[in-house]
Full PDB file with SEQRES, HELIX, SHEET, SSBOND, CRYST1, ORIGX, SCALE, CONECT and MASTER records, all heavy atoms in Angstrom:
SEQRES   1 A   32  LEU SER VAL GLY LEU ASN CYS ALA LEU GLY ALA LYS ASP          
SEQRES   2 A   32  LEU ARG GLU HIS VAL GLU THR LEU SER THR VAL ALA ASP          
SEQRES   3 A   32  ALA TYR VAL SER ALA HIS                                      
HELIX    1 AA1 ALA A   11  VAL A   24  1                                  14    
SHEET    1 AA1 2 SER A   2  LEU A   5  0                                        
SHEET    2 AA1 2 TYR A  28  ALA A  31  1                                        
CRYST1    1.000    1.000    1.000  90.00  90.00  90.00 P 1           1          
ORIGX1      1.000000  0.000000  0.000000        0.00000                         
ORIGX2      0.000000  1.000000  0.000000        0.00000                         
ORIGX3      0.000000  0.000000  1.000000        0.00000                         
SCALE1      1.000000  0.000000  0.000000        0.00000                         
SCALE2      0.000000  1.000000  0.000000        0.00000                         
SCALE3      0.000000  0.000000  1.000000        0.00000                         
ATOM      1  N   LEU A   1      -5.606  12.480   0.827  1.00  0.00           N  
ATOM      2  CA  LEU A   1      -4.421  12.723   1.756  1.00  0.00           C  
ATOM      3  C   LEU A   1      -3.605  11.458   1.698  1.00  0.00           C  
ATOM      4  O   LEU A   1      -2.317  11.573   1.767  1.00  0.00           O  
ATOM      5  CB  LEU A   1      -4.975  12.959   3.190  1.00  0.00           C  
ATOM      6  CG  LEU A   1      -3.909  12.907   4.320  1.00  0.00           C  
ATOM      7  CD1 LEU A   1      -3.142  14.264   4.315  1.00  0.00           C  
ATOM      8  CD2 LEU A   1      -4.537  12.750   5.657  1.00  0.00           C  
ATOM      9  N   SER A   2      -4.176  10.249   1.691  1.00  0.00           N  
ATOM     10  CA  SER A   2      -3.406   9.080   1.675  1.00  0.00           C  
ATOM     11  C   SER A   2      -4.169   8.056   0.808  1.00  0.00           C  
ATOM     12  O   SER A   2      -5.376   8.086   0.602  1.00  0.00           O  
ATOM     13  CB  SER A   2      -3.282   8.487   3.124  1.00  0.00           C  
ATOM     14  OG  SER A   2      -4.577   7.942   3.650  1.00  0.00           O  
ATOM     15  N   VAL A   3      -3.384   7.139   0.307  1.00  0.00           N  
ATOM     16  CA  VAL A   3      -3.917   5.940  -0.452  1.00  0.00           C  
ATOM     17  C   VAL A   3      -3.128   4.768   0.033  1.00  0.00           C  
ATOM     18  O   VAL A   3      -1.989   4.754   0.326  1.00  0.00           O  
ATOM     19  CB  VAL A   3      -3.697   6.160  -1.973  1.00  0.00           C  
ATOM     20  CG1 VAL A   3      -2.255   6.230  -2.351  1.00  0.00           C  
ATOM     21  CG2 VAL A   3      -4.451   5.049  -2.748  1.00  0.00           C  
ATOM     22  N   GLY A   4      -3.824   3.614   0.093  1.00  0.00           N  
ATOM     23  CA  GLY A   4      -3.180   2.493   0.634  1.00  0.00           C  
ATOM     24  C   GLY A   4      -3.995   1.182   0.366  1.00  0.00           C  
ATOM     25  O   GLY A   4      -4.903   1.183  -0.497  1.00  0.00           O  
ATOM     26  N   LEU A   5      -3.623   0.104   1.124  1.00  0.00           N  
ATOM     27  CA  LEU A   5      -4.242  -1.184   0.986  1.00  0.00           C  
ATOM     28  C   LEU A   5      -4.452  -1.780   2.307  1.00  0.00           C  
ATOM     29  O   LEU A   5      -3.726  -1.557   3.213  1.00  0.00           O  
ATOM     30  CB  LEU A   5      -3.338  -2.143   0.124  1.00  0.00           C  
ATOM     31  CG  LEU A   5      -3.003  -1.765  -1.279  1.00  0.00           C  
ATOM     32  CD1 LEU A   5      -1.916  -2.623  -1.894  1.00  0.00           C  
ATOM     33  CD2 LEU A   5      -4.231  -1.794  -2.176  1.00  0.00           C  
ATOM     34  N   ASN A   6      -5.632  -2.472   2.422  1.00  0.00           N  
ATOM     35  CA  ASN A   6      -5.933  -3.201   3.699  1.00  0.00           C  
ATOM     36  C   ASN A   6      -6.660  -4.486   3.362  1.00  0.00           C  
ATOM     37  O   ASN A   6      -7.090  -4.670   2.201  1.00  0.00           O  
ATOM     38  CB  ASN A   6      -6.740  -2.267   4.602  1.00  0.00           C  
ATOM     39  CG  ASN A   6      -8.207  -2.092   4.082  1.00  0.00           C  
ATOM     40  OD1 ASN A   6      -8.521  -1.505   3.079  1.00  0.00           O  
ATOM     41  ND2 ASN A   6      -9.109  -2.764   4.753  1.00  0.00           N  
ATOM     42  N   CYS A   7      -6.768  -5.301   4.377  1.00  0.00           N  
ATOM     43  CA  CYS A   7      -7.631  -6.514   4.358  1.00  0.00           C  
ATOM     44  C   CYS A   7      -7.075  -7.524   3.331  1.00  0.00           C  
ATOM     45  O   CYS A   7      -5.973  -7.452   2.726  1.00  0.00           O  
ATOM     46  CB  CYS A   7      -9.114  -6.181   4.075  1.00  0.00           C  
ATOM     47  SG  CYS A   7     -10.181  -7.442   4.703  1.00  0.00           S  
ATOM     48  N   ALA A   8      -7.938  -8.642   3.153  1.00  0.00           N  
ATOM     49  CA  ALA A   8      -7.716  -9.650   2.128  1.00  0.00           C  
ATOM     50  C   ALA A   8      -6.416 -10.497   2.335  1.00  0.00           C  
ATOM     51  O   ALA A   8      -6.499 -11.687   2.466  1.00  0.00           O  
ATOM     52  CB  ALA A   8      -7.842  -9.117   0.759  1.00  0.00           C  
ATOM     53  N   LEU A   9      -5.294  -9.827   2.257  1.00  0.00           N  
ATOM     54  CA  LEU A   9      -4.080 -10.503   2.357  1.00  0.00           C  
ATOM     55  C   LEU A   9      -3.247 -10.113   3.618  1.00  0.00           C  
ATOM     56  O   LEU A   9      -3.498  -9.095   4.245  1.00  0.00           O  
ATOM     57  CB  LEU A   9      -3.182 -10.161   1.129  1.00  0.00           C  
ATOM     58  CG  LEU A   9      -3.792 -10.476  -0.230  1.00  0.00           C  
ATOM     59  CD1 LEU A   9      -2.825 -10.011  -1.321  1.00  0.00           C  
ATOM     60  CD2 LEU A   9      -4.131 -12.062  -0.351  1.00  0.00           C  
ATOM     61  N   GLY A  10      -2.289 -10.932   3.987  1.00  0.00           N  
ATOM     62  CA  GLY A  10      -1.379 -10.568   5.142  1.00  0.00           C  
ATOM     63  C   GLY A  10      -0.387  -9.630   4.612  1.00  0.00           C  
ATOM     64  O   GLY A  10      -0.251  -9.371   3.373  1.00  0.00           O  
ATOM     65  N   ALA A  11       0.473  -9.104   5.559  1.00  0.00           N  
ATOM     66  CA  ALA A  11       1.483  -8.075   5.109  1.00  0.00           C  
ATOM     67  C   ALA A  11       2.457  -8.594   4.113  1.00  0.00           C  
ATOM     68  O   ALA A  11       2.824  -7.836   3.165  1.00  0.00           O  
ATOM     69  CB  ALA A  11       2.157  -7.604   6.389  1.00  0.00           C  
ATOM     70  N   LYS A  12       2.932  -9.799   4.250  1.00  0.00           N  
ATOM     71  CA  LYS A  12       3.920 -10.288   3.358  1.00  0.00           C  
ATOM     72  C   LYS A  12       3.451 -10.355   1.932  1.00  0.00           C  
ATOM     73  O   LYS A  12       4.214 -10.002   0.994  1.00  0.00           O  
ATOM     74  CB  LYS A  12       4.378 -11.731   3.716  1.00  0.00           C  
ATOM     75  CG  LYS A  12       5.166 -11.787   5.057  1.00  0.00           C  
ATOM     76  CD  LYS A  12       5.573 -13.165   5.443  1.00  0.00           C  
ATOM     77  CE  LYS A  12       6.307 -13.234   6.771  1.00  0.00           C  
ATOM     78  NZ  LYS A  12       6.672 -14.511   7.185  1.00  0.00           N  
ATOM     79  N   ASP A  13       2.216 -10.670   1.713  1.00  0.00           N  
ATOM     80  CA  ASP A  13       1.628 -10.757   0.384  1.00  0.00           C  
ATOM     81  C   ASP A  13       1.222  -9.431  -0.229  1.00  0.00           C  
ATOM     82  O   ASP A  13       1.135  -9.197  -1.347  1.00  0.00           O  
ATOM     83  CB  ASP A  13       0.368 -11.637   0.381  1.00  0.00           C  
ATOM     84  CG  ASP A  13       0.656 -13.122   0.754  1.00  0.00           C  
ATOM     85  OD1 ASP A  13       1.566 -13.665   0.031  1.00  0.00           O  
ATOM     86  OD2 ASP A  13       0.113 -13.590   1.719  1.00  0.00           O  
ATOM     87  N   LEU A  14       1.180  -8.447   0.667  1.00  0.00           N  
ATOM     88  CA  LEU A  14       0.826  -7.049   0.267  1.00  0.00           C  
ATOM     89  C   LEU A  14       2.012  -6.228  -0.080  1.00  0.00           C  
ATOM     90  O   LEU A  14       1.904  -5.178  -0.846  1.00  0.00           O  
ATOM     91  CB  LEU A  14       0.060  -6.250   1.385  1.00  0.00           C  
ATOM     92  CG  LEU A  14      -1.454  -6.358   1.467  1.00  0.00           C  
ATOM     93  CD1 LEU A  14      -1.982  -5.405   2.514  1.00  0.00           C  
ATOM     94  CD2 LEU A  14      -2.099  -6.140   0.073  1.00  0.00           C  
ATOM     95  N   ARG A  15       3.218  -6.690   0.255  1.00  0.00           N  
ATOM     96  CA  ARG A  15       4.372  -5.836   0.177  1.00  0.00           C  
ATOM     97  C   ARG A  15       4.615  -5.309  -1.231  1.00  0.00           C  
ATOM     98  O   ARG A  15       4.767  -4.083  -1.409  1.00  0.00           O  
ATOM     99  CB  ARG A  15       5.660  -6.521   0.606  1.00  0.00           C  
ATOM    100  CG  ARG A  15       6.788  -5.614   0.795  1.00  0.00           C  
ATOM    101  CD  ARG A  15       8.147  -6.200   0.696  1.00  0.00           C  
ATOM    102  NE  ARG A  15       9.139  -5.296   1.053  1.00  0.00           N  
ATOM    103  CZ  ARG A  15       9.623  -4.298   0.154  1.00  0.00           C  
ATOM    104  NH1 ARG A  15       9.115  -4.248  -1.066  1.00  0.00           N  
ATOM    105  NH2 ARG A  15      10.647  -3.485   0.497  1.00  0.00           N  
ATOM    106  N   GLU A  16       4.612  -6.068  -2.245  1.00  0.00           N  
ATOM    107  CA  GLU A  16       4.926  -5.562  -3.641  1.00  0.00           C  
ATOM    108  C   GLU A  16       3.874  -4.631  -4.121  1.00  0.00           C  
ATOM    109  O   GLU A  16       4.187  -3.645  -4.785  1.00  0.00           O  
ATOM    110  CB  GLU A  16       4.988  -6.744  -4.608  1.00  0.00           C  
ATOM    111  CG  GLU A  16       3.731  -7.520  -4.878  1.00  0.00           C  
ATOM    112  CD  GLU A  16       3.801  -8.569  -5.933  1.00  0.00           C  
ATOM    113  OE1 GLU A  16       4.135  -8.201  -7.122  1.00  0.00           O  
ATOM    114  OE2 GLU A  16       3.815  -9.720  -5.633  1.00  0.00           O  
ATOM    115  N   HIS A  17       2.610  -4.733  -3.600  1.00  0.00           N  
ATOM    116  CA  HIS A  17       1.635  -3.821  -4.078  1.00  0.00           C  
ATOM    117  C   HIS A  17       1.683  -2.518  -3.262  1.00  0.00           C  
ATOM    118  O   HIS A  17       1.421  -1.408  -3.823  1.00  0.00           O  
ATOM    119  CB  HIS A  17       0.233  -4.410  -3.829  1.00  0.00           C  
ATOM    120  CG  HIS A  17       0.131  -5.811  -4.421  1.00  0.00           C  
ATOM    121  ND1 HIS A  17       0.447  -6.157  -5.795  1.00  0.00           N  
ATOM    122  CD2 HIS A  17      -0.007  -7.064  -3.868  1.00  0.00           C  
ATOM    123  CE1 HIS A  17       0.338  -7.427  -6.013  1.00  0.00           C  
ATOM    124  NE2 HIS A  17      -0.023  -8.004  -4.905  1.00  0.00           N  
ATOM    125  N   VAL A  18       2.088  -2.579  -2.048  1.00  0.00           N  
ATOM    126  CA  VAL A  18       2.354  -1.309  -1.289  1.00  0.00           C  
ATOM    127  C   VAL A  18       3.547  -0.578  -1.902  1.00  0.00           C  
ATOM    128  O   VAL A  18       3.530   0.658  -1.983  1.00  0.00           O  
ATOM    129  CB  VAL A  18       2.584  -1.663   0.181  1.00  0.00           C  
ATOM    130  CG1 VAL A  18       3.001  -0.379   0.947  1.00  0.00           C  
ATOM    131  CG2 VAL A  18       1.296  -2.174   0.813  1.00  0.00           C  
ATOM    132  N   GLU A  19       4.498  -1.347  -2.316  1.00  0.00           N  
ATOM    133  CA  GLU A  19       5.704  -0.663  -2.921  1.00  0.00           C  
ATOM    134  C   GLU A  19       5.260  -0.015  -4.232  1.00  0.00           C  
ATOM    135  O   GLU A  19       5.826   1.101  -4.475  1.00  0.00           O  
ATOM    136  CB  GLU A  19       6.733  -1.733  -3.271  1.00  0.00           C  
ATOM    137  CG  GLU A  19       8.041  -1.188  -3.811  1.00  0.00           C  
ATOM    138  CD  GLU A  19       9.212  -2.193  -3.913  1.00  0.00           C  
ATOM    139  OE1 GLU A  19       8.943  -3.348  -3.696  1.00  0.00           O  
ATOM    140  OE2 GLU A  19      10.304  -1.791  -4.306  1.00  0.00           O  
ATOM    141  N   THR A  20       4.429  -0.650  -4.993  1.00  0.00           N  
ATOM    142  CA  THR A  20       3.936   0.057  -6.217  1.00  0.00           C  
ATOM    143  C   THR A  20       3.264   1.346  -5.840  1.00  0.00           C  
ATOM    144  O   THR A  20       3.499   2.364  -6.536  1.00  0.00           O  
ATOM    145  CB  THR A  20       2.874  -0.858  -6.944  1.00  0.00           C  
ATOM    146  OG1 THR A  20       3.612  -2.102  -7.340  1.00  0.00           O  
ATOM    147  CG2 THR A  20       2.277  -0.169  -8.115  1.00  0.00           C  
ATOM    148  N   LEU A  21       2.340   1.345  -4.863  1.00  0.00           N  
ATOM    149  CA  LEU A  21       1.751   2.617  -4.447  1.00  0.00           C  
ATOM    150  C   LEU A  21       2.698   3.634  -3.996  1.00  0.00           C  
ATOM    151  O   LEU A  21       2.636   4.822  -4.370  1.00  0.00           O  
ATOM    152  CB  LEU A  21       0.645   2.331  -3.448  1.00  0.00           C  
ATOM    153  CG  LEU A  21      -0.648   1.700  -3.810  1.00  0.00           C  
ATOM    154  CD1 LEU A  21      -1.561   1.482  -2.571  1.00  0.00           C  
ATOM    155  CD2 LEU A  21      -1.309   2.485  -4.867  1.00  0.00           C  
ATOM    156  N   SER A  22       3.678   3.200  -3.286  1.00  0.00           N  
ATOM    157  CA  SER A  22       4.653   4.157  -2.760  1.00  0.00           C  
ATOM    158  C   SER A  22       5.488   4.773  -3.908  1.00  0.00           C  
ATOM    159  O   SER A  22       6.000   5.956  -3.802  1.00  0.00           O  
ATOM    160  CB  SER A  22       5.679   3.471  -1.776  1.00  0.00           C  
ATOM    161  OG  SER A  22       6.547   2.656  -2.434  1.00  0.00           O  
ATOM    162  N   THR A  23       5.601   4.146  -4.987  1.00  0.00           N  
ATOM    163  CA  THR A  23       6.333   4.621  -6.169  1.00  0.00           C  
ATOM    164  C   THR A  23       5.536   5.589  -6.982  1.00  0.00           C  
ATOM    165  O   THR A  23       5.976   6.701  -7.432  1.00  0.00           O  
ATOM    166  CB  THR A  23       6.825   3.496  -7.097  1.00  0.00           C  
ATOM    167  OG1 THR A  23       7.579   2.600  -6.334  1.00  0.00           O  
ATOM    168  CG2 THR A  23       7.547   3.969  -8.269  1.00  0.00           C  
ATOM    169  N   VAL A  24       4.142   5.349  -7.118  1.00  0.00           N  
ATOM    170  CA  VAL A  24       3.366   6.139  -8.063  1.00  0.00           C  
ATOM    171  C   VAL A  24       2.559   7.203  -7.395  1.00  0.00           C  
ATOM    172  O   VAL A  24       2.105   8.137  -8.061  1.00  0.00           O  
ATOM    173  CB  VAL A  24       2.468   5.201  -8.842  1.00  0.00           C  
ATOM    174  CG1 VAL A  24       3.321   4.190  -9.680  1.00  0.00           C  
ATOM    175  CG2 VAL A  24       1.418   4.514  -8.039  1.00  0.00           C  
ATOM    176  N   ALA A  25       2.234   7.064  -6.086  1.00  0.00           N  
ATOM    177  CA  ALA A  25       1.286   7.885  -5.445  1.00  0.00           C  
ATOM    178  C   ALA A  25       1.880   9.216  -4.981  1.00  0.00           C  
ATOM    179  O   ALA A  25       2.870   9.328  -4.301  1.00  0.00           O  
ATOM    180  CB  ALA A  25       0.688   7.194  -4.223  1.00  0.00           C  
ATOM    181  N   ASP A  26       1.211  10.271  -5.468  1.00  0.00           N  
ATOM    182  CA  ASP A  26       1.521  11.669  -4.958  1.00  0.00           C  
ATOM    183  C   ASP A  26       0.662  11.927  -3.757  1.00  0.00           C  
ATOM    184  O   ASP A  26       0.003  12.956  -3.623  1.00  0.00           O  
ATOM    185  CB  ASP A  26       1.305  12.687  -6.068  1.00  0.00           C  
ATOM    186  CG  ASP A  26       1.852  14.082  -5.679  1.00  0.00           C  
ATOM    187  OD1 ASP A  26       2.700  14.126  -4.812  1.00  0.00           O  
ATOM    188  OD2 ASP A  26       1.353  15.028  -6.330  1.00  0.00           O  
ATOM    189  N   ALA A  27       0.645  11.058  -2.754  1.00  0.00           N  
ATOM    190  CA  ALA A  27      -0.047  11.138  -1.513  1.00  0.00           C  
ATOM    191  C   ALA A  27       0.671  10.267  -0.503  1.00  0.00           C  
ATOM    192  O   ALA A  27       1.532   9.522  -0.937  1.00  0.00           O  
ATOM    193  CB  ALA A  27      -1.498  10.667  -1.743  1.00  0.00           C  
ATOM    194  N   TYR A  28       0.276  10.369   0.755  1.00  0.00           N  
ATOM    195  CA  TYR A  28       0.845   9.495   1.773  1.00  0.00           C  
ATOM    196  C   TYR A  28       0.374   8.107   1.477  1.00  0.00           C  
ATOM    197  O   TYR A  28      -0.680   7.877   0.960  1.00  0.00           O  
ATOM    198  CB  TYR A  28       0.458  10.040   3.162  1.00  0.00           C  
ATOM    199  CG  TYR A  28       1.036  11.395   3.478  1.00  0.00           C  
ATOM    200  CD1 TYR A  28       0.152  12.478   3.588  1.00  0.00           C  
ATOM    201  CD2 TYR A  28       2.370  11.520   3.800  1.00  0.00           C  
ATOM    202  CE1 TYR A  28       0.727  13.742   3.867  1.00  0.00           C  
ATOM    203  CE2 TYR A  28       2.960  12.697   4.087  1.00  0.00           C  
ATOM    204  CZ  TYR A  28       2.069  13.825   4.164  1.00  0.00           C  
ATOM    205  OH  TYR A  28       2.611  15.054   4.433  1.00  0.00           O  
ATOM    206  N   VAL A  29       1.064   7.065   1.934  1.00  0.00           N  
ATOM    207  CA  VAL A  29       0.812   5.747   1.677  1.00  0.00           C  
ATOM    208  C   VAL A  29       0.499   5.041   3.027  1.00  0.00           C  
ATOM    209  O   VAL A  29       1.287   5.183   4.001  1.00  0.00           O  
ATOM    210  CB  VAL A  29       1.944   5.006   0.948  1.00  0.00           C  
ATOM    211  CG1 VAL A  29       1.710   3.502   0.899  1.00  0.00           C  
ATOM    212  CG2 VAL A  29       1.993   5.542  -0.483  1.00  0.00           C  
ATOM    213  N   SER A  30      -0.620   4.288   3.076  1.00  0.00           N  
ATOM    214  CA  SER A  30      -0.990   3.483   4.266  1.00  0.00           C  
ATOM    215  C   SER A  30      -1.121   2.075   3.939  1.00  0.00           C  
ATOM    216  O   SER A  30      -1.243   1.616   2.799  1.00  0.00           O  
ATOM    217  CB  SER A  30      -2.415   4.047   4.773  1.00  0.00           C  
ATOM    218  OG  SER A  30      -3.385   3.602   3.813  1.00  0.00           O  
ATOM    219  N   ALA A  31      -0.929   1.214   4.998  1.00  0.00           N  
ATOM    220  CA  ALA A  31      -1.127  -0.245   4.825  1.00  0.00           C  
ATOM    221  C   ALA A  31      -1.692  -0.682   6.157  1.00  0.00           C  
ATOM    222  O   ALA A  31      -1.100  -0.465   7.242  1.00  0.00           O  
ATOM    223  CB  ALA A  31       0.160  -0.965   4.565  1.00  0.00           C  
ATOM    224  N   HIS A  32      -2.810  -1.389   6.193  1.00  0.00           N  
ATOM    225  CA  HIS A  32      -3.282  -2.018   7.382  1.00  0.00           C  
ATOM    226  C   HIS A  32      -3.757  -3.417   6.977  1.00  0.00           C  
ATOM    227  O   HIS A  32      -4.995  -3.634   6.784  1.00  0.00           O  
ATOM    228  CB  HIS A  32      -4.229  -1.189   8.189  1.00  0.00           C  
ATOM    229  CG  HIS A  32      -5.494  -0.616   7.556  1.00  0.00           C  
ATOM    230  ND1 HIS A  32      -5.368   0.308   6.519  1.00  0.00           N  
ATOM    231  CD2 HIS A  32      -6.787  -0.844   7.681  1.00  0.00           C  
ATOM    232  CE1 HIS A  32      -6.623   0.634   6.090  1.00  0.00           C  
ATOM    233  NE2 HIS A  32      -7.400   0.033   6.820  1.00  0.00           N  
TER     234      HIS A  32                                                      
MASTER        0    0    0    1    2    0    0    6  233    1    0    3          
END                                                                             
């Protein structure tokens, strides 16, 4: 239903990777 990223890094450091998922994922995207 969704794919995303969490933990390890803060939001600023996750941004480019969340953007990658938002581009390629045929699913909802999450970030926590």
